């Protein structure tokens, strides 16, 4: 899709309710015209004002009919106040109504009403949390406020967990660090996992989510993070339990909301440090945890093969995610089945090169294509390896994943 098409699509998405407001304004104008056939005031300015206000204060429509109704109600109330403040004195004068002798007082009153309305419009989201804020002006109800608080808490824990784990890794690599200091960071990381467990219960009882299916996503996301955390803390049994539960929830979510849904991905990107989580992302983590048990190596291999056979095809519109799966599987097989490793790495490379190039991915900040080419060159023993090495040589300073084998 071209840049122009993207711009037009975004414009249509942001202003899809503009025709509705325009028609509504014309309807109001027509009714007023019928009721006041002798009025000479320029009523056409009113719908124009409504349209201008729409451009300045676009309602935040969401996939929830009750929230949408509240947004429209708030927009109409604020618009009505603005229209009365701007055009009221003129309409009254045309109808022979005397508002007062001082034109200055009328102008001051107009200015104060307009200023107060604009300020309220600008900051209504913040002040709507006040205890005595009128409920008919709220664009979010108490249940949705609870949802916002829960997701804000998730964002905070996510950020703290990421920082705590980074410090824990750095401490593990620092030979001069004392056991007491290491344990301090270890406890800090464990605390974030305990907070995630508490958050699971809060989300389970929260009534503010747009749908029960949306709740499944957040439960699945937290279960995944708990599973990864337990794996890092060498608790494989708990890790597997959380990860498989996460896979079930995310699979159920994606059966109703296909991965990549624009409206939902915008919400996810504002909350989660790691971005939009797909069911496909969970499979390698499950396989890794299972592989820690020497007696379950066949089961581990089965998960990777299932990843390619069952999950990759479901993400046909997302080549980067598919390529990431091929890379994971290629890395897994590179030491145990060279033929499969080469096949999956080639498939991953072909998937990405179907719409982009090595140079473009590097410019975009992604090294996934470079990684797969490097891994494939390492797994080859013919002239193909030399050709790939020549292609990727200018970018090898980015290499942080190098593996070697003796095929």
Protein backbone atom coordinates (compact mmCIF):
# COMPACT_ATOMS: atom_id res chain seq x y z
CA UNK A 1 0.00 0.00 0.00
CA UNK A 2 1.40 3.40 -1.03
CA UNK A 3 1.95 6.32 1.31
CA UNK A 4 -0.99 8.17 -0.30
CA UNK A 5 -3.29 5.18 0.19
CA UNK A 6 -2.19 4.89 3.81
CA UNK A 7 -2.90 8.59 4.38
CA UNK A 8 -6.36 8.30 2.81
CA UNK A 9 -7.17 5.16 4.81
CA UNK A 10 -6.11 6.82 8.06
CA UNK A 11 -8.14 9.92 7.20
CA UNK A 12 -11.25 7.85 6.50
CA UNK A 13 -10.76 5.90 9.73
CA UNK A 14 -10.37 9.01 11.86
CA UNK A 15 -13.29 10.86 10.25
CA UNK A 16 -15.78 8.09 9.52
CA UNK A 17 -18.38 9.82 11.72
CA UNK A 18 -17.99 13.25 10.10
CA UNK A 19 -20.84 12.61 7.60
CA UNK A 20 -23.08 11.58 10.51
CA UNK A 21 -22.43 14.85 12.32
CA UNK A 22 -22.91 16.81 9.10
CA UNK A 23 -26.27 15.13 8.39
CA UNK A 24 -27.32 15.65 12.00
CA UNK A 25 -26.43 19.33 11.81
CA UNK A 26 -28.43 19.75 8.58
CA UNK A 27 -31.35 17.93 10.20
CA UNK A 28 -31.26 20.32 13.17
CA UNK A 29 -31.07 23.25 10.77
CA UNK A 30 -34.08 21.99 8.81
CA UNK A 31 -36.23 21.46 11.91
CA UNK A 32 -35.31 24.91 13.23
CA UNK A 33 -36.09 26.45 9.86
CA UNK A 34 -39.56 24.87 9.83
CA UNK A 35 -40.28 26.01 13.38
CA UNK A 36 -39.00 29.53 12.78
CA UNK A 37 -39.91 30.29 9.17
CA UNK A 38 -39.63 34.05 9.72
CA UNK A 39 -36.13 33.95 11.19
CA UNK A 40 -33.65 35.79 9.00
CA UNK A 41 -30.51 34.68 10.87
CA UNK A 42 -27.88 32.74 8.88
CA UNK A 43 -28.64 29.24 10.16
CA UNK A 44 -26.15 27.69 7.74
CA UNK A 45 -23.39 28.81 10.05
CA UNK A 46 -24.56 26.32 12.68
CA UNK A 47 -23.79 23.09 10.73
CA UNK A 48 -20.52 24.68 9.66
CA UNK A 49 -19.65 25.24 13.32
CA UNK A 50 -20.52 21.64 14.16
CA UNK A 51 -18.20 20.37 11.44
CA UNK A 52 -15.37 22.60 12.62
CA UNK A 53 -15.85 21.40 16.19
CA UNK A 54 -15.74 17.82 14.96
CA UNK A 55 -12.37 18.43 13.32
CA UNK A 56 -11.02 19.92 16.55
CA UNK A 57 -12.57 17.41 18.97
CA UNK A 58 -12.95 14.07 17.20
CA UNK A 59 -14.81 11.69 19.53
CA UNK A 60 -12.76 8.67 20.60
CA UNK A 61 -14.95 5.96 19.16
CA UNK A 62 -14.25 2.44 20.38
CA UNK A 63 -15.64 -1.05 19.62
CA UNK A 64 -18.22 -0.72 22.37
CA UNK A 65 -21.72 0.59 21.62
CA UNK A 66 -22.40 2.04 25.07
CA UNK A 67 -19.08 3.91 25.05
CA UNK A 68 -19.80 5.18 21.54
CA UNK A 69 -23.20 6.48 22.66
CA UNK A 70 -21.56 8.34 25.55
CA UNK A 71 -18.98 9.86 23.22
CA UNK A 72 -21.68 11.08 20.83
CA UNK A 73 -23.82 12.41 23.71
CA UNK A 74 -20.87 14.36 25.12
CA UNK A 75 -20.03 15.73 21.66
CA UNK A 76 -23.61 16.90 21.07
CA UNK A 77 -23.93 18.52 24.51
CA UNK A 78 -20.68 20.42 24.12
CA UNK A 79 -21.56 21.39 20.57
CA UNK A 80 -24.99 22.65 21.63
CA UNK A 81 -23.41 24.86 24.32
CA UNK A 82 -20.90 26.25 21.81
CA UNK A 83 -23.60 26.93 19.20
CA UNK A 84 -25.82 28.70 21.75
CA UNK A 85 -22.89 30.78 23.00
CA UNK A 86 -21.79 31.79 19.51
CA UNK A 87 -25.12 32.26 17.75
CA UNK A 88 -27.59 32.67 20.62
CA UNK A 89 -27.41 36.47 20.95
CA UNK A 90 -27.83 36.96 17.20
CA UNK A 91 -30.79 34.59 16.99
CA UNK A 92 -32.39 36.26 20.02
CA UNK A 93 -31.94 39.69 18.47
CA UNK A 94 -33.55 38.58 15.19
CA UNK A 95 -36.52 37.35 17.18
CA UNK A 96 -36.89 40.62 19.04
CA UNK A 97 -35.54 39.33 22.36
CA UNK A 98 -33.48 41.88 24.29
CA UNK A 99 -30.74 40.19 26.32
CA UNK A 100 -29.33 43.34 27.83
CA UNK A 101 -28.28 46.87 27.07
CA UNK A 102 -24.53 46.28 27.38
CA UNK A 103 -23.02 44.60 24.33
CA UNK A 104 -19.74 44.31 26.22
CA UNK A 105 -21.30 42.15 28.92
CA UNK A 106 -22.80 39.89 26.25
CA UNK A 107 -19.40 39.52 24.55
CA UNK A 108 -17.71 38.78 27.89
CA UNK A 109 -20.35 36.18 28.71
CA UNK A 110 -19.91 34.60 25.26
CA UNK A 111 -16.15 34.51 25.68
CA UNK A 112 -16.32 32.95 29.16
CA UNK A 113 -18.82 30.27 28.08
CA UNK A 114 -16.80 29.40 24.98
CA UNK A 115 -13.51 29.33 26.91
CA UNK A 116 -14.98 27.19 29.69
CA UNK A 117 -16.48 24.79 27.16
CA UNK A 118 -13.23 24.44 25.24
CA UNK A 119 -11.26 23.85 28.43
CA UNK A 120 -13.80 21.29 29.60
CA UNK A 121 -13.63 19.60 26.19
CA UNK A 122 -9.86 19.51 26.36
CA UNK A 123 -9.57 18.16 29.91
CA UNK A 124 -12.87 16.33 30.41
CA UNK A 125 -11.16 12.94 30.48
CA UNK A 126 -9.06 13.94 33.51
CA UNK A 127 -11.81 15.67 35.47
CA UNK A 128 -14.33 12.90 34.74
CA UNK A 129 -12.50 10.92 37.46
CA UNK A 130 -13.68 13.43 40.06
CA UNK A 131 -16.18 12.01 42.50
CA UNK A 132 -18.96 14.53 41.79
CA UNK A 133 -18.46 14.89 38.04
CA UNK A 134 -21.92 14.61 36.35
CA UNK A 135 -22.48 11.09 35.07
CA UNK A 136 -24.33 12.29 31.94
CA UNK A 137 -21.11 14.00 30.78
CA UNK A 138 -18.85 10.99 31.35
CA UNK A 139 -17.51 9.32 28.24
CA UNK A 140 -16.26 6.40 30.33
CA UNK A 141 -18.23 4.72 33.09
CA UNK A 142 -16.94 3.36 36.39
CA UNK A 143 -16.35 -0.11 34.97
CA UNK A 144 -14.23 1.25 32.15
CA UNK A 145 -12.31 3.40 34.60
CA UNK A 146 -11.50 0.17 36.42
CA UNK A 147 -10.28 -1.31 33.13
CA UNK A 148 -8.00 1.68 32.55
CA UNK A 149 -6.54 1.41 36.06
CA UNK A 150 -5.89 -2.31 35.56
CA UNK A 151 -4.13 -1.78 32.22
CA UNK A 152 -2.08 1.10 33.63
CA UNK A 153 -0.99 -1.20 36.43
CA UNK A 154 -0.06 -3.85 33.86
CA UNK A 155 2.03 -1.28 31.99
CA UNK A 156 3.86 -0.29 35.17
CA UNK A 157 4.59 -3.91 36.15
CA UNK A 158 5.68 -4.73 32.61
CA UNK A 159 8.21 -1.90 32.63
CA UNK A 160 9.51 -2.74 36.11
CA UNK A 161 9.78 -6.44 35.25
CA UNK A 162 11.80 -5.67 32.12
CA UNK A 163 14.19 -3.41 34.05
CA UNK A 164 14.52 -5.92 36.91
CA UNK A 165 15.39 -8.77 34.57
CA UNK A 166 17.98 -6.67 32.71
CA UNK A 167 19.67 -5.84 36.02
CA UNK A 168 19.51 -9.48 37.06
CA UNK A 169 21.27 -10.56 33.87
CA UNK A 170 23.94 -7.89 34.30
CA UNK A 171 24.49 -9.01 37.89
CA UNK A 172 24.85 -12.64 36.83
CA UNK A 173 27.63 -11.61 34.42
CA UNK A 174 29.43 -9.48 37.01
CA UNK A 175 31.88 -11.76 38.85
CA UNK A 176 32.65 -9.06 41.40
CA UNK A 177 29.07 -8.77 42.56
CA UNK A 178 28.28 -10.20 45.98
CA UNK A 179 25.61 -12.85 46.55
CA UNK A 180 23.65 -10.37 48.66
CA UNK A 181 23.43 -7.87 45.81
CA UNK A 182 22.44 -10.57 43.33
CA UNK A 183 19.71 -11.79 45.66
CA UNK A 184 18.36 -8.25 45.98
CA UNK A 185 17.78 -8.02 42.23
CA UNK A 186 16.47 -11.57 42.17
CA UNK A 187 13.84 -10.64 44.77
CA UNK A 188 12.95 -7.53 42.80
CA UNK A 189 12.27 -9.64 39.73
CA UNK A 190 10.23 -12.18 41.71
CA UNK A 191 8.16 -9.34 43.16
CA UNK A 192 7.07 -8.23 39.67
CA UNK A 193 5.95 -11.79 38.91
CA UNK A 194 3.91 -11.88 42.12
CA UNK A 195 2.29 -8.60 41.10
CA UNK A 196 1.39 -10.12 37.74
CA UNK A 197 -0.31 -13.01 39.55
CA UNK A 198 -2.35 -10.54 41.61
CA UNK A 199 -3.25 -8.71 38.40
CA UNK A 200 -4.63 -11.92 36.90
CA UNK A 201 -7.31 -11.93 39.60
CA UNK A 202 -8.11 -8.22 39.08
CA UNK A 203 -8.56 -8.69 35.34
CA UNK A 204 -10.69 -11.77 35.94
CA UNK A 205 -13.18 -9.76 38.01
CA UNK A 206 -13.00 -6.49 36.03
CA UNK A 207 -16.29 -5.67 34.25
CA UNK A 208 -14.97 -2.81 32.15
CA UNK A 209 -13.54 -4.70 29.19
CA UNK A 210 -15.29 -4.17 25.87
CA UNK A 211 -15.82 -7.92 25.43
CA UNK A 212 -15.02 -11.08 27.34
CA UNK A 213 -12.75 -11.98 24.45
CA UNK A 214 -10.62 -8.90 25.03
CA UNK A 215 -10.23 -10.05 28.61
CA UNK A 216 -8.88 -13.36 27.24
CA UNK A 217 -6.07 -11.49 25.49
CA UNK A 218 -4.90 -9.72 28.64
CA UNK A 219 -5.16 -12.89 30.71
CA UNK A 220 -3.19 -14.72 28.01
CA UNK A 221 -0.56 -11.98 27.86
CA UNK A 222 -0.01 -12.01 31.63
CA UNK A 223 0.02 -15.83 31.74
CA UNK A 224 2.73 -15.75 29.06
CA UNK A 225 4.86 -13.29 31.03
CA UNK A 226 4.41 -15.39 34.18
CA UNK A 227 5.43 -18.50 32.23
CA UNK A 228 8.55 -16.83 30.87
CA UNK A 229 9.37 -15.57 34.35
CA UNK A 230 9.00 -19.02 35.91
CA UNK A 231 11.21 -20.47 33.17
CA UNK A 232 13.92 -17.91 33.92
CA UNK A 233 13.69 -18.87 37.58
CA UNK A 234 14.13 -22.55 36.70
CA UNK A 235 10.57 -23.55 37.61
CA UNK A 236 9.75 -25.58 34.51
CA UNK A 237 6.55 -27.13 35.83
CA UNK A 238 4.92 -23.78 36.64
CA UNK A 239 6.29 -22.28 33.44
CA UNK A 240 4.67 -24.97 31.31
CA UNK A 241 1.35 -24.55 33.10
CA UNK A 242 1.27 -20.79 32.52
CA UNK A 243 2.46 -21.00 28.92
CA UNK A 244 -0.03 -23.65 27.82
CA UNK A 245 -2.81 -21.68 29.51
CA UNK A 246 -1.63 -18.57 27.66
CA UNK A 247 -1.70 -20.44 24.35
CA UNK A 248 -5.29 -21.55 24.96
CA UNK A 249 -6.44 -18.02 25.80
CA UNK A 250 -4.65 -16.34 22.89
CA UNK A 251 -5.87 -18.96 20.43
CA UNK A 252 -9.42 -18.36 21.64
CA UNK A 253 -8.93 -14.59 21.32
CA UNK A 254 -7.54 -14.83 17.79
CA UNK A 255 -10.44 -17.02 16.69
CA UNK A 256 -12.64 -13.93 17.19
CA UNK A 257 -10.16 -11.09 16.65
CA UNK A 258 -7.58 -12.05 14.00
CA UNK A 259 -4.02 -11.03 14.78
CA UNK A 260 -3.20 -7.53 13.57
CA UNK A 261 -6.59 -5.95 14.21
CA UNK A 262 -5.77 -2.24 13.94
CA UNK A 263 -8.07 -0.97 16.69
CA UNK A 264 -6.88 -3.54 19.20
CA UNK A 265 -3.19 -3.35 18.27
CA UNK A 266 -3.25 0.39 19.03
CA UNK A 267 -4.44 -0.41 22.55
CA UNK A 268 -1.81 -3.13 23.01
CA UNK A 269 1.06 -0.93 21.82
CA UNK A 270 0.26 1.66 24.50
CA UNK A 271 0.27 -0.93 27.29
CA UNK A 272 2.78 -3.71 26.54
CA UNK A 273 6.54 -3.24 26.37
CA UNK A 274 6.96 -6.23 24.08
CA UNK A 275 4.26 -5.24 21.62
CA UNK A 276 1.39 -7.33 20.28
CA UNK A 277 1.63 -10.96 21.44
CA UNK A 278 0.45 -13.69 19.06
CA UNK A 279 -0.38 -17.30 19.90
CA UNK A 280 2.45 -18.27 17.56
CA UNK A 281 4.95 -16.50 19.84
CA UNK A 282 4.10 -18.80 22.73
CA UNK A 283 4.96 -22.11 21.03
CA UNK A 284 8.80 -21.77 21.11
CA UNK A 285 8.66 -20.91 24.82
CA UNK A 286 6.60 -24.03 25.54
CA UNK A 287 9.00 -26.16 23.51
CA UNK A 288 12.02 -24.71 25.33
CA UNK A 289 10.53 -25.43 28.75
CA UNK A 290 9.59 -28.99 27.79
CA UNK A 291 13.07 -29.55 26.34
CA UNK A 292 14.61 -29.06 29.78
CA UNK A 293 13.41 -32.58 30.57
CA UNK A 294 15.64 -35.08 28.75
CA UNK A 295 12.80 -37.59 28.68
CA UNK A 296 10.57 -35.20 26.72
CA UNK A 297 12.88 -34.38 23.81
CA UNK A 298 10.50 -35.98 21.30
CA UNK A 299 7.67 -33.83 22.64
CA UNK A 300 9.84 -30.74 22.29
CA UNK A 301 10.54 -31.60 18.67
CA UNK A 302 6.82 -32.14 18.09
CA UNK A 303 6.01 -28.62 19.28
CA UNK A 304 8.47 -27.08 16.81
CA UNK A 305 7.08 -29.13 13.94
CA UNK A 306 3.56 -28.22 14.98
CA UNK A 307 4.60 -24.56 14.98
CA UNK A 308 5.45 -24.77 11.27
CA UNK A 309 2.59 -27.03 10.24
CA UNK A 310 -0.32 -25.55 12.20
CA UNK A 311 0.52 -22.01 13.29
CA UNK A 312 2.67 -20.38 10.61
CA UNK A 313 -0.03 -20.68 7.89
CA UNK A 314 -2.48 -18.81 10.13
CA UNK A 315 -0.33 -15.66 9.91
CA UNK A 316 -0.10 -15.41 6.13
CA UNK A 317 -0.48 -11.62 6.21
CA UNK A 318 2.41 -11.17 8.65
CA UNK A 319 5.65 -12.36 7.02
CA UNK A 320 7.87 -11.02 9.80
CA UNK A 321 6.06 -13.18 12.36
CA UNK A 322 6.24 -16.18 10.05
CA UNK A 323 9.94 -15.58 9.46
CA UNK A 324 10.50 -15.36 13.21
CA UNK A 325 8.94 -18.80 13.59
CA UNK A 326 11.11 -20.25 10.82
CA UNK A 327 14.19 -18.78 12.48
CA UNK A 328 13.30 -20.35 15.85
CA UNK A 329 12.72 -23.74 14.27
CA UNK A 330 15.88 -23.44 12.16
CA UNK A 331 17.92 -22.63 15.26
CA UNK A 332 16.43 -25.63 17.05
CA UNK A 333 17.20 -28.11 14.26
CA UNK A 334 20.62 -26.73 13.34
CA UNK A 335 22.45 -29.13 15.67
CA UNK A 336 20.13 -32.14 15.45
CA UNK A 337 18.83 -32.28 11.86
CA UNK A 338 20.82 -30.25 9.35
CA UNK A 339 18.50 -31.01 6.45
CA UNK A 340 15.44 -29.66 8.27
CA UNK A 341 17.39 -26.69 9.55
CA UNK A 342 18.37 -25.70 6.01
CA UNK A 343 14.83 -26.24 4.71
CA UNK A 344 13.15 -24.11 7.36
CA UNK A 345 15.75 -21.35 7.15
CA UNK A 346 15.30 -21.19 3.37
CA UNK A 347 11.53 -21.00 3.80
CA UNK A 348 11.92 -18.17 6.28
CA UNK A 349 14.27 -16.29 3.96
CA UNK A 350 11.94 -16.76 0.98
CA UNK A 351 9.00 -15.56 3.07
CA UNK A 352 10.70 -12.24 3.82
CA UNK A 353 12.37 -11.77 0.45
CA UNK A 354 8.95 -12.07 -1.14
CA UNK A 355 8.29 -8.46 -0.17
CA UNK A 356 11.53 -6.94 1.15
CA UNK A 357 15.31 -7.18 0.89
CA UNK A 358 18.24 -7.59 3.26
CA UNK A 359 19.22 -3.94 2.93
CA UNK A 360 15.67 -2.74 3.61
CA UNK A 361 15.29 -4.88 6.74
CA UNK A 362 18.58 -3.56 8.10
CA UNK A 363 17.46 0.02 7.44
CA UNK A 364 14.22 -0.73 9.30
CA UNK A 365 16.23 -1.90 12.32
CA UNK A 366 15.47 -5.61 11.88
CA UNK A 367 18.24 -8.24 11.65
CA UNK A 368 15.98 -11.29 11.28
CA UNK A 369 16.76 -11.81 7.58
CA UNK A 370 20.47 -11.32 8.26
CA UNK A 371 20.30 -13.85 11.09
CA UNK A 372 18.61 -16.49 8.96
CA UNK A 373 21.08 -16.01 6.10
CA UNK A 374 24.00 -16.28 8.51
CA UNK A 375 22.56 -19.43 10.10
CA UNK A 376 21.90 -20.94 6.68
CA UNK A 377 25.44 -20.21 5.51
CA UNK A 378 26.74 -21.91 8.65
CA UNK A 379 24.58 -24.96 7.94
CA UNK A 380 25.69 -25.28 4.31
CA UNK A 381 28.85 -27.03 3.14
CA UNK A 382 28.74 -26.16 -0.58
CA UNK A 383 29.34 -23.09 -2.72
CA UNK A 384 26.01 -21.68 -1.57
CA UNK A 385 27.55 -20.79 1.77
CA UNK A 386 30.25 -18.68 0.14
CA UNK A 387 27.68 -16.76 -1.91
CA UNK A 388 25.58 -16.00 1.19
CA UNK A 389 28.65 -14.98 3.20
CA UNK A 390 29.63 -12.50 0.51
CA UNK A 391 26.14 -11.00 0.60
CA UNK A 392 25.99 -10.59 4.38
CA UNK A 393 29.64 -9.64 4.99
CA UNK A 394 28.94 -5.84 5.03
CA UNK A 395 26.49 -6.37 7.91
CA UNK A 396 28.40 -8.86 10.07
CA UNK A 397 29.27 -6.17 12.59
CA UNK A 398 25.62 -6.58 13.69
CA UNK A 399 26.09 -10.29 14.40
CA UNK A 400 25.28 -11.23 17.99
CA UNK A 401 23.82 -14.70 17.42
CA UNK A 402 26.64 -16.66 15.71
CA UNK A 403 26.41 -20.42 16.06
CA UNK A 404 28.85 -22.94 14.62
CA UNK A 405 28.43 -26.59 13.70
CA UNK A 406 30.45 -29.40 12.13
CA UNK A 407 28.18 -30.68 9.38
